[in-house]
Amino acid sequence: MSDILWITYLGILGAPAIGFLLKGKYKTIAMKVDFVVSCMTWTGLFGYVTSISIGPTLLWKIVFVVGIVWDLLFVIYIDQSDEAIEGLSEKTVKATTVVFSILMLLPLYYGLFRYAF
């Protein structure tokens, strides 16, 4: 049962990213780097969920650290794609985006941590 939940989670993370890729929405270098880092972390989570060894553990330790640093930097400082929401300040929208993004990525990095360490 837990494998189904993990695979569903991977789908929730991956489907919008693949859609963005197919629609050509990754225009900036930062967005392209974010897509590559995301693909690497998803691969590690897939390895964890399926218990398949994909490369050495040192690789996944590096991916874990680089992924967390990149995602935090990207969400907090680099990503400027927040859309204005009527009645909310720009700071509130940004804070909500950061908190939601971090909450969505917690299971990803939990699984990647378990896979790497």
N, C-alpha and C. Protein backbone atom coordinates (compact mmCIF):
# COMPACT_ATOMS: atom_id res chain seq x y z
N MET A 1 0.82 -1.20 0.00
CA MET A 1 0.00 0.00 0.00
C MET A 1 0.86 1.26 0.00
N SER A 2 1.92 1.26 0.80
CA SER A 2 2.75 2.46 0.86
C SER A 2 3.45 2.71 -0.47
N ASP A 3 3.78 1.64 -1.21
CA ASP A 3 4.39 1.83 -2.53
C ASP A 3 3.45 2.58 -3.46
N ILE A 4 2.18 2.28 -3.38
CA ILE A 4 1.19 2.96 -4.23
C ILE A 4 1.14 4.45 -3.88
N LEU A 5 1.20 4.76 -2.60
CA LEU A 5 1.18 6.16 -2.18
C LEU A 5 2.44 6.89 -2.66
N TRP A 6 3.60 6.23 -2.56
CA TRP A 6 4.84 6.84 -3.02
C TRP A 6 4.80 7.09 -4.53
N ILE A 7 4.31 6.12 -5.28
CA ILE A 7 4.24 6.27 -6.73
C ILE A 7 3.23 7.36 -7.11
N THR A 8 2.13 7.44 -6.37
CA THR A 8 1.17 8.52 -6.59
C THR A 8 1.82 9.87 -6.32
N TYR A 9 2.59 9.94 -5.25
CA TYR A 9 3.31 11.18 -4.92
C TYR A 9 4.28 11.56 -6.04
N LEU A 10 5.02 10.58 -6.57
CA LEU A 10 5.91 10.85 -7.69
C LEU A 10 5.13 11.39 -8.88
N GLY A 11 3.97 10.83 -9.13
CA GLY A 11 3.13 11.31 -10.22
C GLY A 11 2.65 12.74 -10.00
N ILE A 12 2.29 13.05 -8.75
CA ILE A 12 1.85 14.41 -8.42
C ILE A 12 2.98 15.40 -8.64
N LEU A 13 4.20 15.02 -8.31
CA LEU A 13 5.34 15.90 -8.54
C LEU A 13 5.74 15.98 -10.01
N GLY A 14 5.71 14.83 -10.68
CA GLY A 14 6.24 14.76 -12.03
C GLY A 14 5.31 15.22 -13.13
N ALA A 15 4.02 14.99 -12.98
CA ALA A 15 3.07 15.31 -14.05
C ALA A 15 3.09 16.79 -14.44
N PRO A 16 3.01 17.71 -13.48
CA PRO A 16 3.06 19.12 -13.88
C PRO A 16 4.41 19.50 -14.53
N ALA A 17 5.48 18.92 -14.03
CA ALA A 17 6.80 19.23 -14.59
C ALA A 17 6.92 18.75 -16.02
N ILE A 18 6.42 17.56 -16.30
CA ILE A 18 6.44 17.04 -17.67
C ILE A 18 5.54 17.90 -18.56
N GLY A 19 4.39 18.31 -18.03
CA GLY A 19 3.50 19.20 -18.78
C GLY A 19 4.16 20.52 -19.12
N PHE A 20 4.86 21.10 -18.15
CA PHE A 20 5.59 22.34 -18.40
C PHE A 20 6.65 22.13 -19.47
N LEU A 21 7.35 20.98 -19.40
CA LEU A 21 8.39 20.69 -20.38
C LEU A 21 7.80 20.60 -21.78
N LEU A 22 6.71 19.88 -21.91
CA LEU A 22 6.08 19.71 -23.23
C LEU A 22 5.52 21.02 -23.78
N LYS A 23 5.09 21.92 -22.90
CA LYS A 23 4.55 23.21 -23.34
C LYS A 23 5.63 24.26 -23.53
N GLY A 24 6.89 23.92 -23.22
CA GLY A 24 7.99 24.87 -23.40
C GLY A 24 8.02 25.99 -22.39
N LYS A 25 7.56 25.72 -21.17
CA LYS A 25 7.50 26.77 -20.14
C LYS A 25 8.83 26.98 -19.41
N TYR A 26 9.78 26.07 -19.61
CA TYR A 26 11.09 26.23 -18.96
C TYR A 26 11.95 27.11 -19.85
N LYS A 27 11.83 28.42 -19.69
CA LYS A 27 12.50 29.35 -20.58
C LYS A 27 13.84 29.85 -20.03
N THR A 28 13.92 30.04 -18.72
CA THR A 28 15.15 30.58 -18.15
C THR A 28 16.11 29.44 -17.79
N ILE A 29 17.36 29.80 -17.63
CA ILE A 29 18.37 28.82 -17.24
C ILE A 29 18.05 28.25 -15.86
N ALA A 30 17.60 29.11 -14.95
CA ALA A 30 17.26 28.65 -13.60
C ALA A 30 16.13 27.62 -13.63
N MET A 31 15.15 27.83 -14.48
CA MET A 31 14.04 26.88 -14.59
C MET A 31 14.52 25.55 -15.16
N LYS A 32 15.44 25.61 -16.12
CA LYS A 32 15.98 24.38 -16.71
C LYS A 32 16.82 23.62 -15.69
N VAL A 33 17.63 24.34 -14.91
CA VAL A 33 18.42 23.70 -13.86
C VAL A 33 17.49 23.07 -12.83
N ASP A 34 16.43 23.77 -12.48
CA ASP A 34 15.47 23.23 -11.52
C ASP A 34 14.85 21.93 -12.04
N PHE A 35 14.55 21.87 -13.33
CA PHE A 35 13.98 20.66 -13.90
C PHE A 35 14.97 19.50 -13.83
N VAL A 36 16.24 19.77 -14.13
CA VAL A 36 17.27 18.72 -14.08
C VAL A 36 17.46 18.22 -12.65
N VAL A 37 17.55 19.15 -11.70
CA VAL A 37 17.72 18.75 -10.29
C VAL A 37 16.50 17.95 -9.84
N SER A 38 15.31 18.38 -10.24
CA SER A 38 14.10 17.65 -9.88
C SER A 38 14.12 16.23 -10.44
N CYS A 39 14.53 16.09 -11.69
CA CYS A 39 14.59 14.75 -12.29
C CYS A 39 15.56 13.84 -11.53
N MET A 40 16.69 14.40 -11.09
CA MET A 40 17.65 13.60 -10.33
C MET A 40 17.06 13.16 -8.99
N THR A 41 16.37 14.09 -8.30
CA THR A 41 15.80 13.72 -7.01
C THR A 41 14.65 12.73 -7.18
N TRP A 42 13.87 12.87 -8.24
CA TRP A 42 12.78 11.92 -8.49
C TRP A 42 13.35 10.53 -8.79
N THR A 43 14.46 10.48 -9.49
CA THR A 43 15.10 9.20 -9.79
C THR A 43 15.53 8.51 -8.49
N GLY A 44 16.10 9.29 -7.57
CA GLY A 44 16.49 8.74 -6.27
C GLY A 44 15.29 8.24 -5.48
N LEU A 45 14.21 9.00 -5.50
CA LEU A 45 13.00 8.56 -4.81
C LEU A 45 12.44 7.30 -5.45
N PHE A 46 12.49 7.23 -6.77
CA PHE A 46 12.04 6.03 -7.47
C PHE A 46 12.88 4.83 -7.04
N GLY A 47 14.20 5.01 -6.93
CA GLY A 47 15.06 3.94 -6.46
C GLY A 47 14.72 3.50 -5.05
N TYR A 48 14.38 4.47 -4.20
CA TYR A 48 14.00 4.14 -2.82
C TYR A 48 12.69 3.36 -2.79
N VAL A 49 11.71 3.82 -3.55
CA VAL A 49 10.38 3.19 -3.54
C VAL A 49 10.44 1.77 -4.09
N THR A 50 11.21 1.57 -5.14
CA THR A 50 11.27 0.26 -5.79
C THR A 50 12.38 -0.63 -5.24
N SER A 51 13.19 -0.12 -4.33
CA SER A 51 14.34 -0.84 -3.75
C SER A 51 15.32 -1.28 -4.82
N ILE A 52 15.49 -0.45 -5.84
CA ILE A 52 16.45 -0.71 -6.91
C ILE A 52 17.68 0.16 -6.66
N SER A 53 18.85 -0.43 -6.73
CA SER A 53 20.08 0.31 -6.56
C SER A 53 20.43 1.00 -7.88
N ILE A 54 20.43 2.32 -7.85
CA ILE A 54 20.75 3.11 -9.04
C ILE A 54 22.00 3.93 -8.70
N GLY A 55 23.14 3.45 -9.10
CA GLY A 55 24.39 4.16 -8.83
C GLY A 55 24.84 4.01 -7.39
N PRO A 56 26.00 4.58 -7.09
CA PRO A 56 26.56 4.47 -5.74
C PRO A 56 25.84 5.37 -4.75
N THR A 57 25.89 5.01 -3.48
CA THR A 57 25.22 5.81 -2.45
C THR A 57 25.83 7.20 -2.32
N LEU A 58 27.12 7.33 -2.62
CA LEU A 58 27.75 8.65 -2.56
C LEU A 58 27.06 9.61 -3.53
N LEU A 59 26.68 9.13 -4.69
CA LEU A 59 25.95 9.95 -5.66
C LEU A 59 24.66 10.48 -5.05
N TRP A 60 23.93 9.64 -4.35
CA TRP A 60 22.64 10.04 -3.80
C TRP A 60 22.80 10.94 -2.58
N LYS A 61 23.91 10.79 -1.88
CA LYS A 61 24.19 11.73 -0.79
C LYS A 61 24.43 13.13 -1.35
N ILE A 62 25.17 13.19 -2.46
CA ILE A 62 25.43 14.47 -3.11
C ILE A 62 24.13 15.05 -3.67
N VAL A 63 23.34 14.21 -4.34
CA VAL A 63 22.06 14.67 -4.90
C VAL A 63 21.15 15.18 -3.79
N PHE A 64 21.14 14.49 -2.65
CA PHE A 64 20.32 14.91 -1.52
C PHE A 64 20.69 16.32 -1.06
N VAL A 65 21.97 16.55 -0.83
CA VAL A 65 22.43 17.85 -0.33
C VAL A 65 22.23 18.94 -1.39
N VAL A 66 22.66 18.67 -2.61
CA VAL A 66 22.52 19.66 -3.68
C VAL A 66 21.05 19.95 -3.94
N GLY A 67 20.21 18.91 -3.91
CA GLY A 67 18.78 19.10 -4.15
C GLY A 67 18.13 19.99 -3.12
N ILE A 68 18.43 19.75 -1.86
CA ILE A 68 17.84 20.58 -0.80
C ILE A 68 18.30 22.03 -0.93
N VAL A 69 19.60 22.21 -1.11
CA VAL A 69 20.13 23.58 -1.23
C VAL A 69 19.51 24.27 -2.45
N TRP A 70 19.48 23.58 -3.58
CA TRP A 70 18.93 24.19 -4.79
C TRP A 70 17.44 24.53 -4.61
N ASP A 71 16.66 23.59 -4.10
CA ASP A 71 15.22 23.84 -3.96
C ASP A 71 14.95 25.01 -3.02
N LEU A 72 15.67 25.09 -1.92
CA LEU A 72 15.47 26.22 -1.01
C LEU A 72 15.86 27.54 -1.67
N LEU A 73 17.02 27.57 -2.32
CA LEU A 73 17.43 28.79 -3.02
C LEU A 73 16.44 29.16 -4.12
N PHE A 74 16.01 28.17 -4.88
CA PHE A 74 15.12 28.44 -6.00
C PHE A 74 13.77 28.96 -5.51
N VAL A 75 13.19 28.30 -4.53
CA VAL A 75 11.86 28.69 -4.05
C VAL A 75 11.90 30.05 -3.36
N ILE A 76 12.92 30.28 -2.55
CA ILE A 76 12.95 31.51 -1.76
C ILE A 76 13.47 32.70 -2.56
N TYR A 77 14.53 32.52 -3.35
CA TYR A 77 15.18 33.66 -3.98
C TYR A 77 15.03 33.76 -5.50
N ILE A 78 15.05 32.66 -6.20
CA ILE A 78 15.16 32.71 -7.66
C ILE A 78 13.79 32.75 -8.34
N ASP A 79 12.87 31.90 -7.94
CA ASP A 79 11.58 31.79 -8.62
C ASP A 79 10.75 33.05 -8.39
N GLN A 80 10.43 33.72 -9.47
CA GLN A 80 9.62 34.94 -9.40
C GLN A 80 8.30 34.75 -10.14
N SER A 81 7.82 33.53 -10.24
CA SER A 81 6.62 33.24 -11.01
C SER A 81 5.33 33.32 -10.20
N ASP A 82 5.40 33.87 -8.99
CA ASP A 82 4.20 33.99 -8.17
C ASP A 82 3.21 34.93 -8.85
N GLU A 83 1.99 34.47 -8.97
CA GLU A 83 0.96 35.30 -9.57
C GLU A 83 0.26 36.09 -8.48
N ALA A 84 -0.14 37.30 -8.81
CA ALA A 84 -0.85 38.14 -7.85
C ALA A 84 -2.22 37.54 -7.58
N ILE A 85 -2.61 37.58 -6.32
CA ILE A 85 -3.93 37.12 -5.92
C ILE A 85 -4.64 38.32 -5.32
N GLU A 86 -5.81 38.59 -5.85
CA GLU A 86 -6.56 39.76 -5.41
C GLU A 86 -6.83 39.70 -3.91
N GLY A 87 -6.52 40.79 -3.24
CA GLY A 87 -6.77 40.88 -1.81
C GLY A 87 -5.60 40.44 -0.94
N LEU A 88 -4.55 39.88 -1.55
CA LEU A 88 -3.38 39.46 -0.78
C LEU A 88 -2.16 40.25 -1.22
N SER A 89 -1.32 40.57 -0.26
CA SER A 89 -0.10 41.30 -0.60
C SER A 89 0.89 40.38 -1.30
N GLU A 90 1.85 40.97 -1.97
CA GLU A 90 2.88 40.21 -2.68
C GLU A 90 3.69 39.35 -1.71
N LYS A 91 3.97 39.90 -0.51
CA LYS A 91 4.72 39.15 0.50
C LYS A 91 3.94 37.93 0.98
N THR A 92 2.65 38.09 1.14
CA THR A 92 1.82 36.97 1.60
C THR A 92 1.80 35.86 0.56
N VAL A 93 1.68 36.23 -0.72
CA VAL A 93 1.68 35.24 -1.80
C VAL A 93 3.01 34.51 -1.83
N LYS A 94 4.13 35.25 -1.70
CA LYS A 94 5.45 34.64 -1.73
C LYS A 94 5.64 33.71 -0.53
N ALA A 95 5.23 34.14 0.65
CA ALA A 95 5.37 33.31 1.85
C ALA A 95 4.54 32.04 1.73
N THR A 96 3.34 32.17 1.20
CA THR A 96 2.48 31.00 1.02
C THR A 96 3.11 30.03 0.02
N THR A 97 3.66 30.56 -1.06
CA THR A 97 4.32 29.72 -2.06
C THR A 97 5.51 28.98 -1.46
N VAL A 98 6.32 29.67 -0.67
CA VAL A 98 7.49 29.05 -0.06
C VAL A 98 7.07 27.94 0.91
N VAL A 99 6.11 28.22 1.76
CA VAL A 99 5.67 27.21 2.74
C VAL A 99 5.06 26.01 2.03
N PHE A 100 4.19 26.24 1.05
CA PHE A 100 3.56 25.14 0.31
C PHE A 100 4.61 24.31 -0.41
N SER A 101 5.59 24.97 -1.04
CA SER A 101 6.63 24.24 -1.77
C SER A 101 7.45 23.37 -0.83
N ILE A 102 7.82 23.90 0.30
CA ILE A 102 8.61 23.13 1.26
C ILE A 102 7.80 21.94 1.78
N LEU A 103 6.55 22.15 2.09
CA LEU A 103 5.70 21.04 2.57
C LEU A 103 5.54 19.96 1.50
N MET A 104 5.42 20.36 0.24
CA MET A 104 5.28 19.39 -0.84
C MET A 104 6.57 18.59 -1.05
N LEU A 105 7.70 19.19 -0.75
CA LEU A 105 8.98 18.52 -0.99
C LEU A 105 9.49 17.71 0.20
N LEU A 106 8.89 17.86 1.36
CA LEU A 106 9.34 17.10 2.53
C LEU A 106 9.34 15.58 2.30
N PRO A 107 8.27 14.99 1.76
CA PRO A 107 8.31 13.55 1.52
C PRO A 107 9.39 13.14 0.51
N LEU A 108 9.61 13.98 -0.49
CA LEU A 108 10.64 13.70 -1.49
C LEU A 108 12.00 13.57 -0.82
N TYR A 109 12.33 14.54 0.01
CA TYR A 109 13.64 14.52 0.64
C TYR A 109 13.73 13.50 1.77
N TYR A 110 12.61 13.14 2.37
CA TYR A 110 12.61 12.04 3.33
C TYR A 110 13.00 10.74 2.63
N GLY A 111 12.35 10.46 1.53
CA GLY A 111 12.65 9.24 0.76
C GLY A 111 14.06 9.25 0.21
N LEU A 112 14.49 10.39 -0.28
CA LEU A 112 15.85 10.50 -0.83
C LEU A 112 16.89 10.33 0.28
N PHE A 113 16.61 10.86 1.47
CA PHE A 113 17.50 10.68 2.61
C PHE A 113 17.61 9.20 2.97
N ARG A 114 16.46 8.50 3.01
CA ARG A 114 16.46 7.08 3.33
C ARG A 114 17.22 6.28 2.28
N TYR A 115 17.14 6.71 1.03
CA TYR A 115 17.82 6.02 -0.06
C TYR A 115 19.33 6.26 0.01
N ALA A 116 19.73 7.48 0.34
CA ALA A 116 21.15 7.85 0.34
C ALA A 116 21.88 7.38 1.59
N PHE A 117 21.21 7.41 2.71
CA PHE A 117 21.89 7.10 3.95
C PHE A 117 21.35 5.80 4.53
